Amino acid sequence: MQATTNEATQASVKRLSIRWVKSAIGYGVRQKRTLKALGFTKLGQVVEHDDSPQMRGMLNAVIHLIEVEEK
């Protein structure tokens, strides 16, 4: 029964497509580290992550530097 519940939960998890659109030059170290923690290495790069409260918090910290699309 547990395996079925986990499969259903994973199937319903939203994915977020995140694009880095603005340079972090001139912004604090904390915001630059958040971009790195999200998996970005180059401007214009797109990464995908599962939607979660922790991920939303990270995105809100650098929302002025990124674009987010829900899938």
PDB file of N, CA and C in Angstrom:
ATOM      1  N   MET A   1       0.816  -1.187   0.000  1.00  0.00           N
ATOM      2  CA  MET A   1       0.000   0.000   0.000  1.00  0.00           C
ATOM      3  C   MET A   1       0.862   1.255   0.000  1.00  0.00           C
ATOM      4  N   GLN A   2       1.974   1.247   0.717  1.00  0.00           N
ATOM      5  CA  GLN A   2       2.839   2.418   0.806  1.00  0.00           C
ATOM      6  C   GLN A   2       3.433   2.781  -0.561  1.00  0.00           C
ATOM      7  N   ALA A   3       3.841   1.801  -1.342  1.00  0.00           N
ATOM      8  CA  ALA A   3       4.439   2.066  -2.646  1.00  0.00           C
ATOM      9  C   ALA A   3       3.442   2.754  -3.569  1.00  0.00           C
ATOM     10  N   THR A   4       2.177   2.361  -3.520  1.00  0.00           N
ATOM     11  CA  THR A   4       1.163   2.978  -4.364  1.00  0.00           C
ATOM     12  C   THR A   4       0.959   4.438  -3.989  1.00  0.00           C
ATOM     13  N   THR A   5       0.973   4.743  -2.702  1.00  0.00           N
ATOM     14  CA  THR A   5       0.803   6.114  -2.243  1.00  0.00           C
ATOM     15  C   THR A   5       1.969   6.979  -2.706  1.00  0.00           C
ATOM     16  N   ASN A   6       3.189   6.473  -2.608  1.00  0.00           N
ATOM     17  CA  ASN A   6       4.355   7.237  -3.055  1.00  0.00           C
ATOM     18  C   ASN A   6       4.322   7.488  -4.550  1.00  0.00           C
ATOM     19  N   GLU A   7       3.900   6.505  -5.330  1.00  0.00           N
ATOM     20  CA  GLU A   7       3.819   6.684  -6.775  1.00  0.00           C
ATOM     21  C   GLU A   7       2.785   7.745  -7.130  1.00  0.00           C
ATOM     22  N   ALA A   8       1.652   7.730  -6.458  1.00  0.00           N
ATOM     23  CA  ALA A   8       0.607   8.721  -6.712  1.00  0.00           C
ATOM     24  C   ALA A   8       1.081  10.110  -6.318  1.00  0.00           C
ATOM     25  N   THR A   9       1.809  10.223  -5.216  1.00  0.00           N
ATOM     26  CA  THR A   9       2.325  11.508  -4.769  1.00  0.00           C
ATOM     27  C   THR A   9       3.342  12.059  -5.762  1.00  0.00           C
ATOM     28  N   GLN A  10       4.227  11.215  -6.249  1.00  0.00           N
ATOM     29  CA  GLN A  10       5.240  11.662  -7.201  1.00  0.00           C
ATOM     30  C   GLN A  10       4.614  12.078  -8.524  1.00  0.00           C
ATOM     31  N   ALA A  11       3.549  11.413  -8.930  1.00  0.00           N
ATOM     32  CA  ALA A  11       2.897  11.748 -10.187  1.00  0.00           C
ATOM     33  C   ALA A  11       2.201  13.103 -10.107  1.00  0.00           C
ATOM     34  N   SER A  12       1.734  13.498  -8.917  1.00  0.00           N
ATOM     35  CA  SER A  12       1.001  14.747  -8.780  1.00  0.00           C
ATOM     36  C   SER A  12       1.896  15.939  -8.441  1.00  0.00           C
ATOM     37  N   VAL A  13       3.185  15.725  -8.248  1.00  0.00           N
ATOM     38  CA  VAL A  13       4.101  16.815  -7.913  1.00  0.00           C
ATOM     39  C   VAL A  13       4.317  17.686  -9.137  1.00  0.00           C
ATOM     40  N   LYS A  14       4.134  18.984  -8.956  1.00  0.00           N
ATOM     41  CA  LYS A  14       4.360  19.923 -10.052  1.00  0.00           C
ATOM     42  C   LYS A  14       5.854  20.120 -10.258  1.00  0.00           C
ATOM     43  N   ARG A  15       6.224  20.399 -11.481  1.00  0.00           N
ATOM     44  CA  ARG A  15       7.600  20.717 -11.814  1.00  0.00           C
ATOM     45  C   ARG A  15       7.671  22.201 -12.142  1.00  0.00           C
ATOM     46  N   LEU A  16       8.783  22.817 -11.796  1.00  0.00           N
ATOM     47  CA  LEU A  16       9.017  24.225 -12.096  1.00  0.00           C
ATOM     48  C   LEU A  16      10.180  24.335 -13.065  1.00  0.00           C
ATOM     49  N   SER A  17       9.966  25.064 -14.134  1.00  0.00           N
ATOM     50  CA  SER A  17      11.027  25.364 -15.086  1.00  0.00           C
ATOM     51  C   SER A  17      11.500  26.786 -14.783  1.00  0.00           C
ATOM     52  N   ILE A  18      12.770  26.924 -14.448  1.00  0.00           N
ATOM     53  CA  ILE A  18      13.301  28.199 -13.977  1.00  0.00           C
ATOM     54  C   ILE A  18      14.407  28.655 -14.914  1.00  0.00           C
ATOM     55  N   ARG A  19      14.291  29.885 -15.414  1.00  0.00           N
ATOM     56  CA  ARG A  19      15.291  30.454 -16.318  1.00  0.00           C
ATOM     57  C   ARG A  19      15.956  31.642 -15.640  1.00  0.00           C
ATOM     58  N   TRP A  20      17.293  31.675 -15.681  1.00  0.00           N
ATOM     59  CA  TRP A  20      18.068  32.783 -15.125  1.00  0.00           C
ATOM     60  C   TRP A  20      18.159  33.853 -16.205  1.00  0.00           C
ATOM     61  N   VAL A  21      17.554  35.030 -15.976  1.00  0.00           N
ATOM     62  CA  VAL A  21      17.446  36.049 -17.021  1.00  0.00           C
ATOM     63  C   VAL A  21      18.200  37.341 -16.744  1.00  0.00           C
ATOM     64  N   LYS A  22      18.630  37.574 -15.501  1.00  0.00           N
ATOM     65  CA  LYS A  22      19.320  38.823 -15.182  1.00  0.00           C
ATOM     66  C   LYS A  22      20.563  38.519 -14.364  1.00  0.00           C
ATOM     67  N   SER A  23      21.650  39.198 -14.678  1.00  0.00           N
ATOM     68  CA  SER A  23      22.919  38.982 -13.992  1.00  0.00           C
ATOM     69  C   SER A  23      22.829  39.320 -12.510  1.00  0.00           C
ATOM     70  N   ALA A  24      23.604  38.611 -11.713  1.00  0.00           N
ATOM     71  CA  ALA A  24      23.632  38.837 -10.266  1.00  0.00           C
ATOM     72  C   ALA A  24      24.711  39.841  -9.863  1.00  0.00           C
ATOM     73  N   ILE A  25      25.380  40.440 -10.838  1.00  0.00           N
ATOM     74  CA  ILE A  25      26.392  41.449 -10.536  1.00  0.00           C
ATOM     75  C   ILE A  25      25.703  42.637  -9.857  1.00  0.00           C
ATOM     76  N   GLY A  26      26.252  43.069  -8.749  1.00  0.00           N
ATOM     77  CA  GLY A  26      25.684  44.185  -8.015  1.00  0.00           C
ATOM     78  C   GLY A  26      24.720  43.759  -6.925  1.00  0.00           C
ATOM     79  N   TYR A  27      24.467  42.473  -6.820  1.00  0.00           N
ATOM     80  CA  TYR A  27      23.591  41.948  -5.776  1.00  0.00           C
ATOM     81  C   TYR A  27      24.431  41.238  -4.735  1.00  0.00           C
ATOM     82  N   GLY A  28      23.846  40.978  -3.585  1.00  0.00           N
ATOM     83  CA  GLY A  28      24.566  40.404  -2.457  1.00  0.00           C
ATOM     84  C   GLY A  28      25.027  38.972  -2.676  1.00  0.00           C
ATOM     85  N   VAL A  29      25.981  38.566  -1.868  1.00  0.00           N
ATOM     86  CA  VAL A  29      26.543  37.220  -1.916  1.00  0.00           C
ATOM     87  C   VAL A  29      25.456  36.186  -1.648  1.00  0.00           C
ATOM     88  N   ARG A  30      24.547  36.513  -0.771  1.00  0.00           N
ATOM     89  CA  ARG A  30      23.480  35.565  -0.418  1.00  0.00           C
ATOM     90  C   ARG A  30      22.618  35.215  -1.635  1.00  0.00           C
ATOM     91  N   GLN A  31      22.312  36.209  -2.480  1.00  0.00           N
ATOM     92  CA  GLN A  31      21.522  35.960  -3.679  1.00  0.00           C
ATOM     93  C   GLN A  31      22.327  35.169  -4.706  1.00  0.00           C
ATOM     94  N   LYS A  32      23.607  35.438  -4.813  1.00  0.00           N
ATOM     95  CA  LYS A  32      24.464  34.683  -5.730  1.00  0.00           C
ATOM     96  C   LYS A  32      24.553  33.224  -5.299  1.00  0.00           C
ATOM     97  N   ARG A  33      24.636  32.991  -3.991  1.00  0.00           N
ATOM     98  CA  ARG A  33      24.688  31.621  -3.475  1.00  0.00           C
ATOM     99  C   ARG A  33      23.363  30.902  -3.702  1.00  0.00           C
ATOM    100  N   THR A  34      22.263  31.631  -3.623  1.00  0.00           N
ATOM    101  CA  THR A  34      20.959  31.029  -3.887  1.00  0.00           C
ATOM    102  C   THR A  34      20.866  30.579  -5.332  1.00  0.00           C
ATOM    103  N   LEU A  35      21.355  31.390  -6.260  1.00  0.00           N
ATOM    104  CA  LEU A  35      21.364  30.993  -7.671  1.00  0.00           C
ATOM    105  C   LEU A  35      22.193  29.729  -7.874  1.00  0.00           C
ATOM    106  N   LYS A  36      23.342  29.669  -7.223  1.00  0.00           N
ATOM    107  CA  LYS A  36      24.202  28.490  -7.330  1.00  0.00           C
ATOM    108  C   LYS A  36      23.513  27.261  -6.725  1.00  0.00           C
ATOM    109  N   ALA A  37      22.820  27.449  -5.608  1.00  0.00           N
ATOM    110  CA  ALA A  37      22.109  26.342  -4.966  1.00  0.00           C
ATOM    111  C   ALA A  37      20.959  25.836  -5.836  1.00  0.00           C
ATOM    112  N   LEU A  38      20.394  26.710  -6.651  1.00  0.00           N
ATOM    113  CA  LEU A  38      19.343  26.304  -7.575  1.00  0.00           C
ATOM    114  C   LEU A  38      19.906  25.507  -8.748  1.00  0.00           C
ATOM    115  N   GLY A  39      21.224  25.551  -8.927  1.00  0.00           N
ATOM    116  CA  GLY A  39      21.859  24.770  -9.980  1.00  0.00           C
ATOM    117  C   GLY A  39      22.296  25.580 -11.183  1.00  0.00           C
ATOM    118  N   PHE A  40      22.246  26.897 -11.093  1.00  0.00           N
ATOM    119  CA  PHE A  40      22.639  27.740 -12.216  1.00  0.00           C
ATOM    120  C   PHE A  40      24.151  27.914 -12.279  1.00  0.00           C
ATOM    121  N   THR A  41      24.682  27.884 -13.496  1.00  0.00           N
ATOM    122  CA  THR A  41      26.089  28.176 -13.714  1.00  0.00           C
ATOM    123  C   THR A  41      26.283  29.263 -14.763  1.00  0.00           C
ATOM    124  N   LYS A  42      25.289  29.449 -15.650  1.00  0.00           N
ATOM    125  CA  LYS A  42      25.402  30.443 -16.715  1.00  0.00           C
ATOM    126  C   LYS A  42      24.101  31.227 -16.866  1.00  0.00           C
ATOM    127  N   LEU A  43      24.222  32.472 -17.217  1.00  0.00           N
ATOM    128  CA  LEU A  43      23.071  33.311 -17.498  1.00  0.00           C
ATOM    129  C   LEU A  43      22.323  32.735 -18.698  1.00  0.00           C
ATOM    130  N   GLY A  44      21.011  32.690 -18.624  1.00  0.00           N
ATOM    131  CA  GLY A  44      20.206  32.148 -19.709  1.00  0.00           C
ATOM    132  C   GLY A  44      19.918  30.659 -19.564  1.00  0.00           C
ATOM    133  N   GLN A  45      20.505  30.038 -18.576  1.00  0.00           N
ATOM    134  CA  GLN A  45      20.335  28.604 -18.354  1.00  0.00           C
ATOM    135  C   GLN A  45      18.941  28.309 -17.788  1.00  0.00           C
ATOM    136  N   VAL A  46      18.422  27.128 -18.104  1.00  0.00           N
ATOM    137  CA  VAL A  46      17.136  26.684 -17.589  1.00  0.00           C
ATOM    138  C   VAL A  46      17.350  25.432 -16.755  1.00  0.00           C
ATOM    139  N   VAL A  47      16.764  25.405 -15.552  1.00  0.00           N
ATOM    140  CA  VAL A  47      16.818  24.227 -14.687  1.00  0.00           C
ATOM    141  C   VAL A  47      15.388  23.867 -14.295  1.00  0.00           C
ATOM    142  N   GLU A  48      15.173  22.600 -13.926  1.00  0.00           N
ATOM    143  CA  GLU A  48      13.863  22.149 -13.476  1.00  0.00           C
ATOM    144  C   GLU A  48      13.977  21.566 -12.083  1.00  0.00           C
ATOM    145  N   HIS A  49      12.995  21.884 -11.249  1.00  0.00           N
ATOM    146  CA  HIS A  49      12.939  21.387  -9.878  1.00  0.00           C
ATOM    147  C   HIS A  49      11.501  21.042  -9.540  1.00  0.00           C
ATOM    148  N   ASP A  50      11.318  20.175  -8.532  1.00  0.00           N
ATOM    149  CA  ASP A  50       9.986  19.892  -8.005  1.00  0.00           C
ATOM    150  C   ASP A  50       9.496  21.107  -7.231  1.00  0.00           C
ATOM    151  N   ASP A  51       8.187  21.331  -7.271  1.00  0.00           N
ATOM    152  CA  ASP A  51       7.581  22.425  -6.521  1.00  0.00           C
ATOM    153  C   ASP A  51       7.459  22.024  -5.055  1.00  0.00           C
ATOM    154  N   SER A  52       8.007  22.836  -4.161  1.00  0.00           N
ATOM    155  CA  SER A  52       7.924  22.599  -2.721  1.00  0.00           C
ATOM    156  C   SER A  52       8.024  23.944  -2.007  1.00  0.00           C
ATOM    157  N   PRO A  53       7.616  23.996  -0.756  1.00  0.00           N
ATOM    158  CA  PRO A  53       7.729  25.255  -0.016  1.00  0.00           C
ATOM    159  C   PRO A  53       9.180  25.747   0.095  1.00  0.00           C
ATOM    160  N   GLN A  54      10.128  24.826   0.236  1.00  0.00           N
ATOM    161  CA  GLN A  54      11.533  25.210   0.328  1.00  0.00           C
ATOM    162  C   GLN A  54      12.004  25.820  -0.991  1.00  0.00           C
ATOM    163  N   MET A  55      11.596  25.224  -2.109  1.00  0.00           N
ATOM    164  CA  MET A  55      11.982  25.731  -3.424  1.00  0.00           C
ATOM    165  C   MET A  55      11.356  27.099  -3.661  1.00  0.00           C
ATOM    166  N   ARG A  56      10.092  27.267  -3.278  1.00  0.00           N
ATOM    167  CA  ARG A  56       9.418  28.557  -3.452  1.00  0.00           C
ATOM    168  C   ARG A  56      10.116  29.650  -2.652  1.00  0.00           C
ATOM    169  N   GLY A  57      10.615  29.329  -1.468  1.00  0.00           N
ATOM    170  CA  GLY A  57      11.350  30.297  -0.664  1.00  0.00           C
ATOM    171  C   GLY A  57      12.632  30.740  -1.341  1.00  0.00           C
ATOM    172  N   MET A  58      13.345  29.780  -1.930  1.00  0.00           N
ATOM    173  CA  MET A  58      14.572  30.125  -2.659  1.00  0.00           C
ATOM    174  C   MET A  58      14.251  30.995  -3.866  1.00  0.00           C
ATOM    175  N   LEU A  59      13.180  30.658  -4.573  1.00  0.00           N
ATOM    176  CA  LEU A  59      12.799  31.430  -5.758  1.00  0.00           C
ATOM    177  C   LEU A  59      12.393  32.853  -5.381  1.00  0.00           C
ATOM    178  N   ASN A  60      11.688  33.010  -4.268  1.00  0.00           N
ATOM    179  CA  ASN A  60      11.277  34.350  -3.833  1.00  0.00           C
ATOM    180  C   ASN A  60      12.473  35.229  -3.485  1.00  0.00           C
ATOM    181  N   ALA A  61      13.579  34.623  -3.065  1.00  0.00           N
ATOM    182  CA  ALA A  61      14.775  35.393  -2.714  1.00  0.00           C
ATOM    183  C   ALA A  61      15.447  35.995  -3.942  1.00  0.00           C
ATOM    184  N   VAL A  62      15.254  35.377  -5.110  1.00  0.00           N
ATOM    185  CA  VAL A  62      15.916  35.858  -6.336  1.00  0.00           C
ATOM    186  C   VAL A  62      14.918  36.056  -7.476  1.00  0.00           C
ATOM    187  N   ILE A  63      13.661  36.321  -7.133  1.00  0.00           N
ATOM    188  CA  ILE A  63      12.593  36.425  -8.141  1.00  0.00           C
ATOM    189  C   ILE A  63      12.882  37.530  -9.165  1.00  0.00           C
ATOM    190  N   HIS A  64      13.633  38.555  -8.799  1.00  0.00           N
ATOM    191  CA  HIS A  64      13.960  39.644  -9.704  1.00  0.00           C
ATOM    192  C   HIS A  64      15.034  39.261 -10.725  1.00  0.00           C
ATOM    193  N   LEU A  65      15.652  38.074 -10.564  1.00  0.00           N
ATOM    194  CA  LEU A  65      16.709  37.627 -11.456  1.00  0.00           C
ATOM    195  C   LEU A  65      16.289  36.444 -12.334  1.00  0.00           C
ATOM    196  N   ILE A  66      15.098  35.893 -12.097  1.00  0.00           N
ATOM    197  CA  ILE A  66      14.689  34.664 -12.769  1.00  0.00           C
ATOM    198  C   ILE A  66      13.275  34.780 -13.331  1.00  0.00           C
ATOM    199  N   GLU A  67      12.915  33.815 -14.194  1.00  0.00           N
ATOM    200  CA  GLU A  67      11.546  33.628 -14.660  1.00  0.00           C
ATOM    201  C   GLU A  67      11.153  32.210 -14.300  1.00  0.00           C
ATOM    202  N   VAL A  68       9.940  32.028 -13.801  1.00  0.00           N
ATOM    203  CA  VAL A  68       9.475  30.709 -13.371  1.00  0.00           C
ATOM    204  C   VAL A  68       8.244  30.329 -14.180  1.00  0.00           C
ATOM    205  N   GLU A  69       8.225  29.067 -14.647  1.00  0.00           N
ATOM    206  CA  GLU A  69       7.092  28.522 -15.371  1.00  0.00           C
ATOM    207  C   GLU A  69       6.700  27.202 -14.725  1.00  0.00           C
ATOM    208  N   GLU A  70       5.417  27.049 -14.424  1.00  0.00           N
ATOM    209  CA  GLU A  70       4.939  25.791 -13.830  1.00  0.00           C
ATOM    210  C   GLU A  70       4.601  24.817 -14.940  1.00  0.00           C
ATOM    211  N   LYS A  71       4.955  23.563 -14.712  1.00  0.00           N
ATOM    212  CA  LYS A  71       4.638  22.522 -15.704  1.00  0.00           C
ATOM    213  C   LYS A  71       3.721  21.509 -15.099  1.00  0.00           C
TER     214      LYS A  71
END
